[in-house]
Amino acid sequence: LAPPPMPVPPPAAPAEPPVAAAPAPPVPVPPPPATPVPMAPPPRPAPPPADAAPQPRPVPAAARDSAPPLPGLAPVLADPLDEAAIAAAYATLAGTPMPSAARLHGTEWLAIERSLQDARGGWAALMLGGTGPTGVEIALIATRAARAQGLRPHLVATESAPDRLSRLRAGLATEGLDPAATRVIPGTITAVPGRTAVGQTLFQDLLQEAPAWDLVRVGLRGILPPVLTHALPLLNARVRWLVLSTHARGEEGTAVRILDGAGWRLMADRPALLDLSGPRRAQRNGTQVWRGPLP
């Protein structure tokens, strides 16, 4: 017998085309860092024209409620130990070179010179005590300088010593001052209201004799604390320049505490020279010069 026929294998299925792999997602590329753009500076304000009026600066509320500012003056007087500045001030006032004895009162020459610069039409001065040889010289030179600068001098001085009183009156008469423009008061001075003894004058009454004093000089020993304690309102309202002769550290501290707190400005200071054997008293008086808020 013939063998059975061999089965014919089915035809092979056509091969499927290869499937392409899915493309990988793109990797995000970070953007380059942004370059900072420099900001243009703010435009500068155009300067005002040369003829334009200056604009006032804004005043803080606290300053508006406080005492009025001091006039536009130099910050302080010259150094009281600067002999060249003192000699120049004395020469301006007296018209002569300064003698050696006048150097001890150099601070007062500086104060008188500035008070004359601030005076308006006239020059009014009130001098309490201290009219010894130096005090008389200060009063006479100051009134003479006021007239030389075209100012009408008005001087009120007090003195308890009869010899000094006569010397001052004679000096004022020699100067040819109008008697109505000078007044020399004998006796002592007090600043405590209600305690005026016979022959005493109340300091506050003297202050009220003029609407403004260009210079007040306090040279009496022991009167400085009551003057500052009881007469401060009048000092604030009527005095431009205040010259204090100090005799102890306590007086200097009292003046700084009261006057600085009231808006005054310390323009010159020469402390008292204390006696080392008794430091509560001064071997040489000190001098403080203050400028008040009065324009």
Protein backbone atom coordinates (compact mmCIF):
# COMPACT_ATOMS: atom_id res chain seq x y z
CA LEU A 1 0.00 0.00 0.00
CA ALA A 2 1.08 3.52 -0.67
CA PRO A 3 1.89 5.60 2.44
CA PRO A 4 -0.67 8.23 3.39
CA PRO A 5 -0.01 11.63 2.06
CA MET A 6 1.90 13.96 4.36
CA PRO A 7 -0.18 16.88 5.61
CA VAL A 8 0.65 20.15 4.01
CA PRO A 9 1.52 22.75 6.66
CA PRO A 10 -0.58 25.89 6.50
CA PRO A 11 1.02 28.86 4.95
CA ALA A 12 2.90 31.03 7.42
CA ALA A 13 1.13 34.19 8.44
CA PRO A 14 2.71 37.27 7.11
CA ALA A 15 5.06 38.82 9.64
CA GLU A 16 3.66 41.85 11.39
CA PRO A 17 5.68 44.98 11.04
CA PRO A 18 7.66 45.81 14.17
CA VAL A 19 5.90 48.12 16.46
CA ALA A 20 7.93 51.30 16.95
CA ALA A 21 8.60 52.14 20.55
CA ALA A 22 6.81 55.17 21.88
CA PRO A 23 9.10 58.17 21.86
CA ALA A 24 10.40 59.16 25.29
CA PRO A 25 8.81 62.35 26.63
CA PRO A 26 11.04 65.36 26.14
CA VAL A 27 13.06 66.36 29.18
CA PRO A 28 12.07 69.92 30.17
CA VAL A 29 14.95 72.31 29.79
CA PRO A 30 14.96 75.04 32.51
CA PRO A 31 14.85 78.51 31.07
CA PRO A 32 17.99 80.56 31.38
CA PRO A 33 18.03 82.82 34.46
CA ALA A 34 16.60 86.19 33.78
CA THR A 35 19.14 88.95 33.72
CA PRO A 36 18.08 91.65 36.25
CA VAL A 37 17.39 94.91 34.57
CA PRO A 38 18.90 97.76 36.62
CA MET A 39 16.30 100.29 37.69
CA ALA A 40 16.88 103.82 36.65
CA PRO A 41 17.56 106.19 39.58
CA PRO A 42 14.71 108.52 40.40
CA PRO A 43 15.00 111.81 38.65
CA ARG A 44 16.58 114.54 40.68
CA PRO A 45 14.42 117.55 41.35
CA ALA A 46 15.39 120.54 39.34
CA PRO A 47 17.07 123.21 41.49
CA PRO A 48 14.90 126.26 42.09
CA PRO A 49 15.75 129.44 40.26
CA ALA A 50 18.26 131.67 41.94
CA ASP A 51 15.63 134.32 42.64
CA ALA A 52 13.06 131.91 44.05
CA ALA A 53 12.08 132.32 47.70
CA PRO A 54 13.35 129.49 49.96
CA GLN A 55 10.68 127.00 50.92
CA PRO A 56 10.24 126.50 54.69
CA ARG A 57 11.07 123.09 56.02
CA PRO A 58 8.24 121.11 57.59
CA VAL A 59 8.21 121.54 61.35
CA PRO A 60 7.40 118.46 63.45
CA ALA A 61 4.37 118.74 65.67
CA ALA A 62 6.51 118.45 68.78
CA ALA A 63 8.64 121.37 67.66
CA ARG A 64 5.60 123.53 66.89
CA ASP A 65 4.37 123.03 70.42
CA SER A 66 7.72 123.89 72.02
CA ALA A 67 9.44 127.21 72.59
CA PRO A 68 10.29 129.28 69.49
CA PRO A 69 13.70 128.55 67.99
CA LEU A 70 16.62 130.78 68.74
CA PRO A 71 17.56 133.45 66.22
CA GLY A 72 20.14 132.61 63.62
CA LEU A 73 23.33 133.20 65.55
CA ALA A 74 26.77 131.71 65.60
CA PRO A 75 26.71 128.44 67.56
CA VAL A 76 28.71 129.71 70.52
CA LEU A 77 30.94 132.57 71.51
CA ALA A 78 34.69 132.32 71.17
CA ASP A 79 36.57 130.27 73.73
CA PRO A 80 36.75 132.32 76.96
CA LEU A 81 40.42 131.36 77.18
CA ASP A 82 41.20 132.49 73.61
CA GLU A 83 43.20 135.63 74.35
CA ALA A 84 43.30 136.68 70.70
CA ALA A 85 39.50 136.61 70.40
CA ILE A 86 39.10 138.41 73.72
CA ALA A 87 41.61 141.08 72.75
CA ALA A 88 39.82 141.61 69.44
CA ALA A 89 36.46 141.99 71.19
CA TYR A 90 37.90 144.44 73.70
CA ALA A 91 39.56 146.49 70.94
CA THR A 92 36.23 146.61 69.07
CA LEU A 93 34.43 147.88 72.16
CA ALA A 94 37.02 150.20 73.71
CA GLY A 95 39.03 151.20 70.64
CA THR A 96 42.28 150.55 72.55
CA PRO A 97 44.48 147.51 73.21
CA MET A 98 43.29 145.36 76.08
CA PRO A 99 45.15 145.76 79.39
CA SER A 100 46.23 142.63 81.19
CA ALA A 101 43.69 143.08 84.00
CA ALA A 102 40.79 142.95 81.53
CA ARG A 103 41.70 139.40 80.44
CA LEU A 104 40.09 137.97 83.56
CA HIS A 105 36.70 139.20 82.30
CA GLY A 106 37.17 138.12 78.71
CA THR A 107 33.87 136.22 78.62
CA GLU A 108 31.98 139.42 79.39
CA TRP A 109 33.67 141.36 76.58
CA LEU A 110 32.59 138.64 74.16
CA ALA A 111 29.00 138.79 75.46
CA ILE A 112 28.79 142.58 75.30
CA GLU A 113 30.11 142.60 71.74
CA ARG A 114 27.44 140.10 70.64
CA SER A 115 24.66 141.88 72.52
CA LEU A 116 25.48 145.07 70.64
CA GLN A 117 25.24 143.16 67.36
CA ASP A 118 21.76 141.91 68.28
CA ALA A 119 20.51 145.28 69.53
CA ARG A 120 17.84 147.12 67.56
CA GLY A 121 17.82 150.91 67.64
CA GLY A 122 18.98 151.07 71.24
CA TRP A 123 20.98 149.06 73.71
CA ALA A 124 19.43 148.43 77.13
CA ALA A 125 21.49 146.85 79.92
CA LEU A 126 20.68 145.94 83.51
CA MET A 127 23.63 145.27 85.80
CA LEU A 128 23.12 143.88 89.29
CA GLY A 129 26.03 144.62 91.61
CA GLY A 130 29.61 143.87 90.82
CA THR A 131 30.34 147.52 90.01
CA GLY A 132 33.82 147.46 91.47
CA PRO A 133 36.67 148.78 89.34
CA THR A 134 36.05 146.12 86.72
CA GLY A 135 32.27 146.50 86.85
CA VAL A 136 32.49 150.24 86.36
CA GLU A 137 34.85 149.74 83.43
CA ILE A 138 32.47 147.21 81.86
CA ALA A 139 29.49 149.56 82.20
CA LEU A 140 31.33 152.59 80.81
CA ILE A 141 32.98 150.78 77.90
CA ALA A 142 29.70 149.13 76.93
CA THR A 143 27.70 152.36 76.88
CA ARG A 144 30.49 154.11 75.00
CA ALA A 145 30.57 151.34 72.39
CA ALA A 146 26.78 151.48 72.01
CA ARG A 147 26.91 155.17 71.16
CA ALA A 148 29.80 154.62 68.76
CA GLN A 149 27.61 152.11 66.89
CA GLY A 150 24.68 154.50 66.66
CA LEU A 151 22.67 152.85 69.45
CA ARG A 152 20.90 154.76 72.20
CA PRO A 153 22.26 153.35 75.49
CA HIS A 154 19.95 152.78 78.44
CA LEU A 155 21.74 151.58 81.57
CA VAL A 156 20.34 150.57 84.94
CA ALA A 157 22.88 149.51 87.58
CA THR A 158 22.58 148.62 91.26
CA GLU A 159 25.21 148.90 93.97
CA SER A 160 25.12 148.77 97.75
CA ALA A 161 28.65 150.08 98.46
CA PRO A 162 28.64 153.91 98.61
CA ASP A 163 32.17 154.30 97.23
CA ARG A 164 31.48 152.14 94.20
CA LEU A 165 28.18 153.91 93.68
CA SER A 166 29.92 157.30 93.58
CA ARG A 167 32.58 155.98 91.19
CA LEU A 168 29.97 154.71 88.78
CA ARG A 169 27.95 157.92 88.86
CA ALA A 170 31.06 159.99 88.26
CA GLY A 171 32.09 157.81 85.34
CA LEU A 172 28.67 158.07 83.71
CA ALA A 173 28.72 161.84 84.12
CA THR A 174 32.14 162.00 82.50
CA GLU A 175 30.82 160.07 79.54
CA GLY A 176 28.21 162.80 79.03
CA LEU A 177 25.30 160.38 78.97
CA ASP A 178 21.79 161.69 79.14
CA PRO A 179 20.73 161.45 82.82
CA ALA A 180 17.39 160.08 81.65
CA ALA A 181 19.21 157.20 79.95
CA THR A 182 21.04 156.05 83.09
CA ARG A 183 19.82 155.03 86.49
CA VAL A 184 22.01 154.00 89.40
CA ILE A 185 20.09 152.38 92.24
CA PRO A 186 21.59 152.24 95.74
CA GLY A 187 20.82 149.44 98.16
CA THR A 188 20.46 145.70 97.84
CA ILE A 189 18.46 143.52 95.46
CA THR A 190 16.12 140.62 96.14
CA ALA A 191 14.27 138.30 93.80
CA VAL A 192 11.87 136.72 96.32
CA PRO A 193 8.44 138.37 96.06
CA GLY A 194 6.88 139.41 99.34
CA ARG A 195 10.19 139.57 101.19
CA THR A 196 11.42 142.99 100.17
CA ALA A 197 13.03 144.71 103.13
CA VAL A 198 13.50 148.43 103.61
CA GLY A 199 16.02 149.73 101.11
CA GLN A 200 15.72 146.67 98.87
CA THR A 201 14.60 146.58 95.24
CA LEU A 202 12.79 143.64 93.67
CA PHE A 203 14.62 142.33 90.64
CA GLN A 204 11.38 141.60 88.80
CA ASP A 205 10.36 145.26 89.09
CA LEU A 206 13.58 146.28 87.34
CA LEU A 207 12.98 143.81 84.52
CA GLN A 208 9.56 145.32 83.91
CA GLU A 209 11.02 148.79 83.32
CA ALA A 210 11.90 147.94 79.71
CA PRO A 211 10.13 145.79 77.12
CA ALA A 212 13.43 144.14 76.20
CA TRP A 213 16.91 144.05 77.71
CA ASP A 214 19.82 143.41 75.39
CA LEU A 215 22.07 142.45 78.30
CA VAL A 216 21.47 141.53 81.94
CA ARG A 217 24.52 140.99 84.13
CA VAL A 218 24.08 139.31 87.51
CA GLY A 219 27.17 139.79 89.64
CA LEU A 220 25.76 139.64 93.16
CA ARG A 221 26.75 136.77 95.40
CA GLY A 222 23.90 134.57 96.54
CA ILE A 223 21.17 136.07 94.35
CA LEU A 224 21.57 133.78 91.35
CA PRO A 225 19.35 130.86 92.53
CA PRO A 226 16.35 133.05 93.53
CA VAL A 227 16.69 135.10 90.33
CA LEU A 228 16.43 131.99 88.18
CA THR A 229 13.71 130.43 90.34
CA HIS A 230 11.35 133.40 90.71
CA ALA A 231 12.05 135.57 87.65
CA LEU A 232 12.32 132.98 84.87
CA PRO A 233 9.11 134.01 83.01
CA LEU A 234 10.30 137.62 82.80
CA LEU A 235 13.78 136.53 81.77
CA ASN A 236 12.29 134.45 78.97
CA ALA A 237 10.11 137.29 77.74
CA ARG A 238 12.45 140.29 78.06
CA VAL A 239 16.14 139.31 78.07
CA ARG A 240 18.32 138.44 75.08
CA TRP A 241 21.75 137.99 76.68
CA LEU A 242 22.30 136.94 80.30
CA VAL A 243 25.74 137.07 81.94
CA LEU A 244 26.00 135.21 85.24
CA SER A 245 28.87 135.51 87.68
CA THR A 246 29.01 132.15 89.45
CA HIS A 247 30.52 131.63 92.89
CA ALA A 248 30.07 127.87 93.37
CA ARG A 249 29.48 124.67 91.44
CA GLY A 250 25.94 124.55 92.78
CA GLU A 251 25.09 127.87 91.13
CA GLU A 252 26.50 126.67 87.83
CA GLY A 253 24.44 123.48 87.99
CA THR A 254 21.29 125.40 88.92
CA ALA A 255 21.72 127.73 85.95
CA VAL A 256 22.21 124.84 83.53
CA ARG A 257 19.19 122.95 84.85
CA ILE A 258 16.78 125.90 84.80
CA LEU A 259 17.89 127.85 81.74
CA ASP A 260 18.61 124.90 79.48
CA GLY A 261 15.23 123.46 80.40
CA ALA A 262 13.57 126.75 79.45
CA GLY A 263 15.06 126.85 75.95
CA TRP A 264 18.08 129.06 76.62
CA ARG A 265 21.40 128.31 74.97
CA LEU A 266 24.70 128.29 76.81
CA MET A 267 27.03 130.32 74.61
CA ALA A 268 30.15 130.49 76.79
CA ASP A 269 31.22 128.94 80.06
CA ARG A 270 34.22 129.55 82.28
CA PRO A 271 33.75 127.53 85.48
CA ALA A 272 34.60 128.98 88.85
CA LEU A 273 38.01 128.13 90.26
CA LEU A 274 37.32 126.46 93.60
CA ASP A 275 39.33 126.96 96.76
CA LEU A 276 40.78 123.53 97.50
CA SER A 277 40.83 124.23 101.23
CA GLY A 278 37.11 125.04 101.11
CA PRO A 279 35.61 123.85 97.80
CA ARG A 280 32.17 125.25 98.59
CA ARG A 281 33.47 128.71 97.76
CA ALA A 282 35.25 130.00 94.69
CA GLN A 283 38.77 131.32 94.63
CA ARG A 284 37.93 132.96 91.30
CA ASN A 285 34.39 133.55 90.10
CA GLY A 286 33.17 131.78 87.02
CA THR A 287 31.11 133.20 84.15
CA GLN A 288 28.27 131.77 82.12
CA VAL A 289 26.81 133.54 79.08
CA TRP A 290 23.32 132.53 77.95
CA ARG A 291 21.23 133.50 74.91
CA GLY A 292 17.49 133.58 75.53
CA PRO A 293 14.65 132.75 73.14
CA LEU A 294 13.77 136.43 72.68
CA PRO A 295 14.43 137.38 69.03
